[in-house]
Protein backbone atom coordinates (compact mmCIF):
# COMPACT_ATOMS: atom_id res chain seq x y z
CA MET A 1 -44.68 -6.12 8.29
CA ASN A 2 -41.93 -4.42 6.24
CA ASN A 3 -40.83 -6.09 3.06
CA ILE A 4 -37.13 -6.28 2.34
CA LYS A 5 -36.20 -4.76 -1.01
CA ARG A 6 -34.92 -7.32 -3.50
CA VAL A 7 -32.56 -4.70 -4.98
CA SER A 8 -31.23 -1.72 -3.07
CA THR A 9 -31.80 1.81 -4.33
CA LYS A 10 -28.03 2.11 -4.89
CA ARG A 11 -27.95 -1.08 -6.96
CA GLN A 12 -30.99 0.06 -8.98
CA LYS A 13 -29.05 3.24 -9.87
CA GLU A 14 -25.98 1.17 -10.82
CA GLU A 15 -28.15 -1.08 -13.01
CA LEU A 16 -29.49 1.99 -14.87
CA GLU A 17 -25.94 3.28 -15.39
CA TYR A 18 -24.92 -0.21 -16.54
CA LYS A 19 -27.75 -0.30 -19.08
CA LYS A 20 -26.67 3.09 -20.46
CA ILE A 21 -23.01 2.03 -20.70
CA LYS A 22 -23.99 -1.21 -22.51
CA GLU A 23 -25.97 0.83 -25.05
CA GLU A 24 -23.05 3.25 -25.53
CA LYS A 25 -20.52 0.45 -25.86
CA LYS A 26 -22.70 -1.41 -28.35
CA ALA A 27 -23.05 1.75 -30.47
CA TYR A 28 -19.27 2.29 -30.26
CA MET A 29 -18.56 -1.30 -31.35
CA VAL A 30 -21.16 -1.27 -34.14
CA GLU A 31 -19.77 2.02 -35.47
CA ARG A 32 -16.29 0.49 -35.61
CA LYS A 33 -17.68 -2.70 -37.15
CA PHE A 34 -16.47 -4.80 -34.25
CA TYR A 35 -19.66 -5.90 -32.51
CA ARG A 36 -18.57 -9.49 -31.82
CA CYS A 37 -18.96 -12.20 -29.21
CA VAL A 38 -16.00 -12.06 -26.83
CA PHE A 39 -15.88 -15.85 -26.73
CA CYS A 40 -16.39 -17.20 -30.25
CA ASN A 41 -15.52 -13.91 -31.99
CA SER A 42 -18.51 -14.21 -34.36
CA LYS A 43 -20.21 -11.05 -35.54
CA LEU A 44 -23.29 -10.11 -33.55
CA ASP A 45 -26.42 -8.77 -35.21
CA PRO A 46 -26.93 -5.22 -33.93
CA GLU A 47 -30.58 -5.43 -34.97
CA ASN A 48 -31.31 -8.52 -32.88
CA ASP A 49 -29.92 -8.86 -29.37
CA ASP A 50 -32.24 -11.69 -28.34
CA ASP A 51 -29.33 -14.10 -27.88
CA VAL A 52 -26.76 -11.53 -26.71
CA GLY A 53 -25.72 -10.79 -23.15
CA TRP A 54 -22.76 -9.02 -21.59
CA HIS A 55 -19.77 -10.67 -19.96
CA HIS A 56 -17.89 -9.00 -17.13
CA LEU A 57 -14.22 -9.86 -17.55
CA ASP A 58 -13.36 -9.13 -13.90
CA GLY A 59 -16.71 -9.78 -12.23
CA ARG A 60 -19.69 -7.57 -11.38
CA ASP A 61 -18.93 -6.54 -7.81
CA GLY A 62 -19.30 -2.89 -6.85
CA ASP A 63 -18.40 -0.45 -9.60
CA LEU A 64 -17.10 -3.24 -11.85
CA ILE A 65 -20.65 -3.73 -13.10
CA LYS A 66 -20.45 -0.46 -15.01
CA GLU A 67 -16.78 -0.24 -16.00
CA TRP A 68 -16.48 0.28 -19.77
CA GLY A 69 -13.39 -1.88 -20.18
CA ASN A 70 -14.84 -4.68 -18.04
CA ILE A 71 -17.94 -5.40 -20.13
CA THR A 72 -18.08 -7.06 -23.50
CA PRO A 73 -20.89 -8.63 -25.53
CA ALA A 74 -21.32 -12.37 -25.85
CA HIS A 75 -23.73 -14.92 -27.24
CA ASN A 76 -25.82 -16.21 -24.36
CA LEU A 77 -24.92 -19.79 -25.30
CA CYS A 78 -21.16 -19.09 -25.38
CA HIS A 79 -21.47 -17.14 -22.13
CA SER A 80 -23.34 -19.99 -20.45
CA ASP A 81 -20.81 -22.56 -21.70
CA PHE A 82 -17.97 -20.41 -20.38
CA HIS A 83 -19.44 -20.09 -16.89
CA HIS A 84 -20.91 -23.56 -16.52
CA SER A 85 -18.41 -25.88 -18.22
CA SER A 86 -15.26 -27.37 -16.80
CA VAL A 87 -12.01 -26.17 -18.31
CA GLY A 88 -11.54 -29.64 -19.82
CA LYS A 89 -14.87 -29.35 -21.64
CA LEU A 90 -14.04 -25.77 -22.70
CA MET A 91 -10.79 -27.02 -24.23
CA ASP A 92 -12.97 -29.14 -26.55
CA ASN A 93 -14.82 -26.01 -27.75
CA SER A 94 -13.29 -24.67 -30.95
CA TRP A 95 -13.57 -21.08 -29.73
CA TYR A 96 -11.90 -21.45 -26.32
CA GLY A 97 -8.27 -21.58 -27.47
CA HIS A 98 -8.82 -18.57 -29.73
CA PHE A 99 -10.54 -16.75 -26.86
CA ILE A 100 -7.46 -17.34 -24.66
CA GLU A 101 -5.19 -16.00 -27.42
CA ARG A 102 -7.34 -12.86 -27.84
CA ILE A 103 -7.48 -12.06 -24.14
CA GLN A 104 -3.74 -12.69 -23.84
CA THR A 105 -3.09 -10.23 -26.68
CA ALA A 106 -5.43 -7.66 -25.13
CA ALA A 107 -3.88 -8.14 -21.66
CA ASP A 108 -1.13 -5.65 -22.49
CA LYS A 109 -3.65 -2.88 -23.18
CA ASN A 110 -6.51 -3.57 -20.80
CA GLU A 111 -6.33 -4.42 -17.10
CA TYR A 112 -9.65 -6.28 -17.23
CA PHE A 113 -8.45 -8.53 -20.04
CA ARG A 114 -5.20 -9.07 -18.10
CA ARG A 115 -7.13 -10.21 -15.02
CA ALA A 116 -9.41 -12.38 -17.19
CA TYR A 117 -6.38 -13.99 -18.87
CA ASN A 118 -4.67 -14.68 -15.55
CA GLY A 119 -7.95 -16.04 -14.19
CA GLU A 120 -8.19 -18.45 -17.10
CA LEU A 121 -4.60 -19.55 -16.48
CA ARG A 122 -5.50 -20.26 -12.85
CA ARG A 123 -8.59 -22.16 -14.02
CA MET A 124 -6.46 -24.24 -16.42
CA GLN A 125 -3.86 -24.93 -13.72
CA LYS A 126 -6.52 -26.04 -11.23
CA GLY A 127 -8.17 -28.16 -13.94
CA GLY A 128 -4.92 -29.96 -14.68
CA VAL A 129 -4.48 -28.47 -18.15
CA LEU A 130 -1.37 -26.52 -17.08
CA ASP A 131 1.22 -27.52 -14.52
CA MET A 132 2.50 -24.94 -12.04
CA GLU A 133 5.61 -24.15 -14.09
CA GLN A 134 3.54 -23.49 -17.23
CA TYR A 135 1.13 -21.36 -15.21
CA LEU A 136 3.93 -19.24 -13.76
CA ASN A 137 5.63 -18.84 -17.16
CA MET A 138 2.40 -17.69 -18.83
CA PHE A 139 1.13 -15.44 -16.00
CA VAL A 140 1.04 -11.72 -16.91
CA ASN A 141 2.23 -9.47 -14.10
CA GLU A 142 -0.79 -7.49 -12.96
CA ASP A 143 1.29 -4.62 -11.58
CA ASP A 144 2.61 -3.50 -14.97
């Protein structure tokens, strides 16, 4: 009986490339003294990554897993809160509003931050935090 591979050979290659890009991006951020959690904006300890993971601003599908501009470091706890909490609960987190401001500011320079910002607006609109008019007024055109 043939066993089905848990991870395809192609995906294994992508994971190796992803690991290399994470290491390069970490070194780049540490060198510029900006190795911080994307969510709470706290400094990360470059000597201890036990509680650090990587967030994909626009998802992990296909080549997005290894796109430099799409990956950013995050505390595992902040990352988990972000993915597993309702937008209402996130609004109670002190870091969430500041996170929204930072990704909005970065949206002009980085397509992944722009998509992340617009995704958060959609999340807030669906969660009843924004009405449709507010959502449309805040939305950043993704074609620019």
